[in-house]
Amino acid sequence: MKTTVDLPDDLFIAAKKRAAELRQPLRALIERSLRAELGRAAGPPAGKPRTIRWVTVAGGLPPGVDVSDRALMHEWLRQQR
């Protein structure tokens, strides 16, 4: 399958140089690198598990705001200026 990927110039140049050193096409280097990255264990990072601290506040939508209608929501925002 073909695809287009935007890479920073310095990364592309380094990859081309590495592929030339290994005497292989850039495609092979990229494929091998992706397979290595995707083959890593996808478990949680080592160390203490992180917990999410949810922050909630009382409130809601201001009167007159209808988020289901984009045009009305924008009109409400314009009126607040």
Foldseek 3Di string as FASTA:
>chain_A
DDDDDDDPPVVVVVLCVVCVVVVHDSVVVVVVVVCVVVPDDPDDDDDDDDDDDDDDDDDDDDPQADVVDPVSNVVVVVVVD
